[in-house]
Protein backbone atom coordinates (compact mmCIF):
# COMPACT_ATOMS: atom_id res chain seq x y z
CA MET A 1 149.70 116.21 -54.63
CA ASP A 2 151.87 118.39 -52.41
CA MET A 3 152.22 116.04 -49.42
CA ILE A 4 154.11 118.55 -47.26
CA LYS A 5 151.38 121.16 -47.76
CA HIS A 6 148.66 118.59 -47.10
CA ASN A 7 150.27 117.31 -43.88
CA ARG A 8 150.91 120.88 -42.74
CA GLU A 9 147.21 121.70 -43.07
CA ALA A 10 146.19 118.38 -41.51
CA TRP A 11 148.40 118.97 -38.47
CA ASN A 12 147.01 122.48 -38.11
CA ARG A 13 143.53 121.01 -37.85
CA LEU A 14 144.66 118.37 -35.34
CA SER A 15 146.41 120.98 -33.24
CA ASP A 16 143.42 123.30 -33.25
CA GLY A 17 141.23 120.32 -32.34
CA GLY A 18 143.13 119.68 -29.10
CA ILE A 19 145.26 116.64 -30.01
CA ILE A 20 147.22 115.38 -26.99
CA TRP A 21 150.62 116.26 -28.55
CA GLY A 22 149.51 119.87 -28.93
CA ILE A 23 148.50 120.68 -25.35
CA PRO A 24 151.06 123.17 -23.97
CA VAL A 25 152.65 122.61 -20.57
CA ASP A 26 151.45 124.85 -17.76
CA SER A 27 153.29 127.63 -15.93
CA GLU A 28 154.07 125.41 -12.95
CA THR A 29 155.83 122.90 -15.21
CA ILE A 30 157.88 125.72 -16.75
CA SER A 31 158.82 126.95 -13.26
CA ARG A 32 159.95 123.48 -12.20
CA ALA A 33 162.06 123.16 -15.34
CA ARG A 34 163.77 126.45 -14.49
CA ALA A 35 164.60 124.97 -11.09
CA GLY A 36 166.16 121.89 -12.71
CA ASP A 37 163.15 119.55 -12.42
CA TRP A 38 162.22 118.66 -16.01
CA GLN A 39 161.33 115.71 -18.19
CA VAL A 40 160.63 115.50 -21.91
CA GLN A 41 159.44 112.64 -24.11
CA LEU A 42 160.64 111.42 -27.48
CA ALA A 43 158.05 108.65 -27.78
CA GLY A 44 155.19 107.49 -25.60
CA GLY A 45 155.22 108.28 -21.91
CA THR A 46 158.82 107.25 -21.26
CA PRO A 47 160.92 110.24 -20.09
CA VAL A 48 164.20 110.76 -21.91
CA PRO A 49 167.10 110.14 -19.49
CA HIS A 50 168.98 113.37 -18.80
CA ALA A 51 172.24 111.54 -19.55
CA TRP A 52 171.11 111.25 -23.17
CA PHE A 53 171.51 115.02 -23.49
CA ASP A 54 174.92 115.19 -21.87
CA VAL A 55 177.19 113.01 -19.75
CA ASP A 56 176.32 115.21 -16.78
CA GLY A 57 172.64 115.49 -17.76
CA ASN A 58 173.00 119.24 -18.22
CA VAL A 59 171.44 121.27 -21.08
CA THR A 60 172.44 124.74 -19.83
CA ASN A 61 173.72 126.90 -22.73
CA LYS A 62 173.48 124.00 -25.18
CA ASP A 63 172.28 124.93 -28.67
CA ILE A 64 169.39 122.54 -29.34
CA LEU A 65 167.39 122.13 -32.53
CA CYS A 66 163.92 120.67 -31.91
CA LEU A 67 162.55 119.18 -35.11
CA ALA A 68 158.81 118.57 -35.60
CA SER A 69 158.23 118.89 -31.87
CA GLY A 70 156.01 121.95 -31.63
CA GLY A 71 152.91 122.06 -29.47
CA GLY A 72 154.20 123.84 -26.41
CA GLN A 73 155.80 120.81 -24.77
CA GLN A 74 159.42 119.75 -25.38
CA ALA A 75 161.03 122.89 -26.81
CA PRO A 76 159.75 125.29 -24.10
CA LEU A 77 160.79 122.89 -21.34
CA LEU A 78 164.31 122.54 -22.72
CA ALA A 79 164.54 126.33 -23.00
CA ALA A 80 163.28 126.72 -19.42
CA ALA A 81 165.94 124.21 -18.34
CA GLY A 82 168.62 126.57 -19.71
CA ALA A 83 169.16 125.54 -23.33
CA ASN A 84 169.24 127.87 -26.35
CA VAL A 85 166.45 126.25 -28.39
CA THR A 86 165.33 126.54 -32.00
CA SER A 87 161.99 124.93 -32.83
CA LEU A 88 161.52 124.04 -36.51
CA GLU A 89 157.94 122.86 -37.03
CA LEU A 90 155.80 122.22 -40.11
CA SER A 91 152.47 123.08 -38.47
CA ASP A 92 151.78 126.77 -37.96
CA SER A 93 149.35 126.01 -35.13
CA MET A 94 151.76 123.74 -33.25
CA LEU A 95 154.57 126.27 -33.68
CA ALA A 96 152.35 129.08 -32.38
CA LYS A 97 152.04 127.21 -29.06
CA ASP A 98 155.83 127.13 -28.67
CA ARG A 99 156.00 130.82 -29.56
CA SER A 100 153.25 131.74 -27.10
CA LEU A 101 155.02 130.04 -24.19
CA ALA A 102 158.34 131.61 -25.18
CA THR A 103 156.77 135.07 -25.10
CA GLU A 104 154.83 134.47 -21.88
CA HIS A 105 157.81 133.14 -19.95
CA GLY A 106 160.71 134.98 -21.62
CA LEU A 107 162.32 131.78 -22.90
CA ASP A 108 165.38 131.58 -25.15
CA LEU A 109 163.35 129.88 -27.86
CA SER A 110 163.41 130.76 -31.56
CA CYS A 111 160.45 129.46 -33.61
CA GLU A 112 160.70 128.79 -37.35
CA GLN A 113 158.20 127.23 -39.74
CA GLY A 114 159.55 124.60 -42.10
CA SER A 115 160.09 120.94 -42.93
CA MET A 116 162.64 118.76 -41.14
CA THR A 117 163.79 117.55 -44.58
CA ASP A 118 165.18 121.01 -45.38
CA LEU A 119 167.59 122.48 -42.83
CA SER A 120 169.34 124.68 -45.39
CA ARG A 121 168.58 127.82 -43.36
CA PHE A 122 171.04 126.56 -40.70
CA ALA A 123 174.80 126.70 -41.18
CA ASP A 124 177.05 123.69 -40.79
CA ALA A 125 177.92 122.81 -37.18
CA SER A 126 175.28 125.12 -35.66
CA PHE A 127 173.94 122.89 -32.88
CA ASP A 128 175.08 120.70 -30.02
CA LEU A 129 172.00 118.48 -30.13
CA VAL A 130 169.01 117.67 -32.36
CA PHE A 131 165.79 116.48 -30.70
CA LEU A 132 163.35 114.63 -32.98
CA PRO A 133 160.28 112.94 -31.45
CA VAL A 134 158.01 110.61 -33.46
CA ALA A 135 157.78 112.39 -36.82
CA ALA A 136 160.08 110.56 -39.25
CA CYS A 137 156.99 108.66 -40.40
CA TYR A 138 155.73 111.83 -42.11
CA VAL A 139 158.50 111.92 -44.74
CA PRO A 140 159.27 109.41 -47.49
CA ASP A 141 163.07 109.39 -47.11
CA VAL A 142 164.53 109.46 -43.58
CA HIS A 143 168.10 109.38 -44.90
CA VAL A 144 167.67 113.04 -45.86
CA ILE A 145 166.93 113.82 -42.20
CA TRP A 146 169.94 111.92 -40.86
CA ARG A 147 172.31 113.57 -43.36
CA GLU A 148 170.99 117.06 -42.60
CA CYS A 149 171.20 116.46 -38.85
CA ALA A 150 174.81 115.34 -39.25
CA ARG A 151 175.57 118.51 -41.21
CA VAL A 152 174.11 120.98 -38.69
CA LEU A 153 175.59 119.23 -35.64
CA ARG A 154 178.98 120.06 -34.18
CA PRO A 155 181.59 117.33 -33.75
CA ASN A 156 180.38 114.85 -31.11
CA GLY A 157 176.94 116.44 -31.27
CA ARG A 158 173.99 114.29 -30.31
CA LEU A 159 170.86 113.17 -32.13
CA LEU A 160 167.91 112.02 -30.01
CA VAL A 161 165.16 110.30 -31.98
CA GLY A 162 161.80 108.66 -31.28
CA VAL A 163 160.22 106.49 -33.99
CA ILE A 164 157.42 104.02 -34.63
CA ASN A 165 158.48 100.38 -34.60
CA PRO A 166 158.03 99.23 -38.22
CA LEU A 167 156.05 96.15 -37.14
CA VAL A 168 153.09 98.42 -36.33
CA ASN A 169 152.69 99.23 -40.01
CA LEU A 170 151.91 95.62 -40.87
CA PHE A 171 148.44 96.00 -39.37
CA GLU A 172 145.40 98.21 -39.55
CA GLU A 173 145.21 100.44 -36.48
CA ASN A 174 141.61 99.74 -35.36
CA GLU A 175 141.71 102.34 -32.63
CA GLY A 176 139.73 101.39 -29.53
CA GLU A 177 139.38 97.75 -30.59
CA PRO A 178 142.37 96.02 -28.95
CA ASP A 179 141.34 92.43 -29.61
CA ILE A 180 140.58 92.55 -33.33
CA GLY A 181 142.26 93.65 -36.50
CA LEU A 182 145.69 92.10 -36.03
CA GLN A 183 145.73 90.61 -39.48
CA VAL A 184 148.67 91.50 -41.66
CA VAL A 185 147.44 93.84 -44.39
CA ASN A 186 150.55 95.73 -45.54
CA GLU A 187 153.88 94.76 -47.06
CA LEU A 188 156.73 96.86 -45.70
CA PRO A 189 157.92 99.43 -46.41
CA PHE A 190 154.97 101.31 -47.89
CA ALA A 191 153.59 104.76 -48.58
CA GLU A 192 150.15 105.05 -47.03
CA ILE A 193 148.75 107.18 -49.83
CA GLU A 194 149.74 104.49 -52.35
CA VAL A 195 148.16 101.49 -50.59
CA LEU A 196 144.73 103.14 -50.38
CA SER A 197 142.19 102.71 -53.14
CA ASP A 198 141.22 105.82 -55.12
CA GLU A 199 138.02 106.05 -53.09
CA GLU A 200 139.79 105.63 -49.75
CA ARG A 201 142.44 108.15 -50.75
CA ALA A 202 139.88 110.77 -51.72
CA ALA A 203 138.01 110.26 -48.43
CA ALA A 204 141.25 110.48 -46.43
CA ILE A 205 142.23 113.72 -48.13
CA GLU A 206 138.77 115.14 -47.57
CA ARG A 207 138.85 114.46 -43.82
CA GLY A 208 142.38 115.84 -43.48
CA MET A 209 144.20 112.61 -42.66
CA VAL A 210 147.93 112.95 -42.00
CA PHE A 211 149.66 110.57 -44.42
CA VAL A 212 152.60 108.45 -43.27
CA TRP A 213 155.39 106.36 -44.72
CA SER A 214 156.69 103.21 -43.07
CA HIS A 215 160.44 102.74 -42.82
CA THR A 216 162.68 99.75 -42.23
CA LEU A 217 165.05 99.27 -39.31
CA THR A 218 167.82 99.61 -41.88
CA ASP A 219 166.51 103.11 -42.65
CA LEU A 220 165.83 104.10 -39.05
CA ILE A 221 168.96 102.76 -37.34
CA GLY A 222 171.30 101.83 -40.17
CA GLY A 223 170.59 105.20 -41.75
CA GLN A 224 171.89 107.01 -38.69
CA LEU A 225 175.04 104.89 -38.74
CA SER A 226 175.59 105.58 -42.44
CA ALA A 227 175.25 109.32 -41.83
CA GLY A 228 178.15 109.24 -39.37
CA PHE A 229 176.47 108.56 -36.03
CA ARG A 230 177.13 105.88 -33.46
CA ILE A 231 174.29 104.67 -31.28
CA LEU A 232 174.89 105.41 -27.60
CA ALA A 233 171.59 104.21 -26.16
CA PHE A 234 168.40 102.44 -27.23
CA THR A 235 165.12 101.85 -25.44
CA GLU A 236 161.58 100.82 -26.36
CA ALA A 237 158.45 102.69 -25.32
CA ARG A 238 154.73 102.13 -25.41
CA ARG A 239 152.17 104.53 -26.78
CA THR A 240 150.03 105.95 -23.97
CA ASP A 241 147.37 107.99 -25.75
CA PRO A 242 143.81 106.71 -26.38
CA ARG A 243 144.39 106.60 -30.15
CA ALA A 244 147.05 103.88 -29.87
CA PRO A 245 146.74 100.97 -32.36
CA SER A 246 145.50 97.54 -31.33
CA ILE A 247 148.95 95.94 -31.22
CA ASN A 248 150.02 98.46 -28.57
CA LYS A 249 148.20 96.28 -26.02
CA TYR A 250 150.68 93.47 -26.59
CA THR A 251 154.05 95.07 -27.27
CA ASP A 252 155.97 98.33 -27.23
CA THR A 253 155.23 100.22 -30.43
CA TYR A 254 157.89 102.95 -30.25
CA PHE A 255 161.62 103.03 -29.72
CA MET A 256 164.11 105.78 -28.98
CA THR A 257 167.77 106.18 -29.84
CA ALA A 258 170.54 108.47 -28.63
CA ALA A 259 173.39 108.84 -31.13
CA GLU A 260 176.65 110.80 -31.31
CA LEU A 261 178.21 112.28 -34.43
CA VAL A 262 181.63 110.74 -34.94
CA ARG A 263 182.78 112.39 -38.13
């Protein structure tokens, strides 16, 4: 099974169905960003501190690569705030929303379709910053991402990442049922498509489920360190959408890191 193709099609359906992460920002929000009043999210509803982007909190003229963050939200806002932005997105529908806002508002935003595991179209040291919201869970090997980000970043370039806390993957999600279902059912790490029965897998494919992989903290944080980054900042965040898993009621289920390339 071609998992990248499957997840691409699944995300297209989610985007076309109005998923919360694919609702473009409005014109007023773009206008405020142009005036210096902007906020973007890596995970949950917690705004990313401007200092994570730069010591002075300034993105003007910075070359930023937004990975898997289409949907008309983060990339257009960063472009409106003055950055030179490239949006690389797997989903055609999510990418189209970035492209539409760029055209409507004359933003310096280049849109390219592709997987975050393959950045070969970009030369070494092409960007000042890579922005990656919660999406590492959609690839089996996050070390590929960290190595590629290190390659395309300039010296002292920054990598901003939002990820799912691995503890979430121990449990079934049981959306909308916050007081049940917190029984450990998975051994970590795991590939979701492999832990399902043949029947469950066939049903999941039929309904267009986006398949995920869990990762360890060693992969998510240690992997960045091994790729040549040093962690500058770390914060946890809680999922705010109505599809959040049961455990989200009791603890933060996301975390975010800001890292700097040191080699």
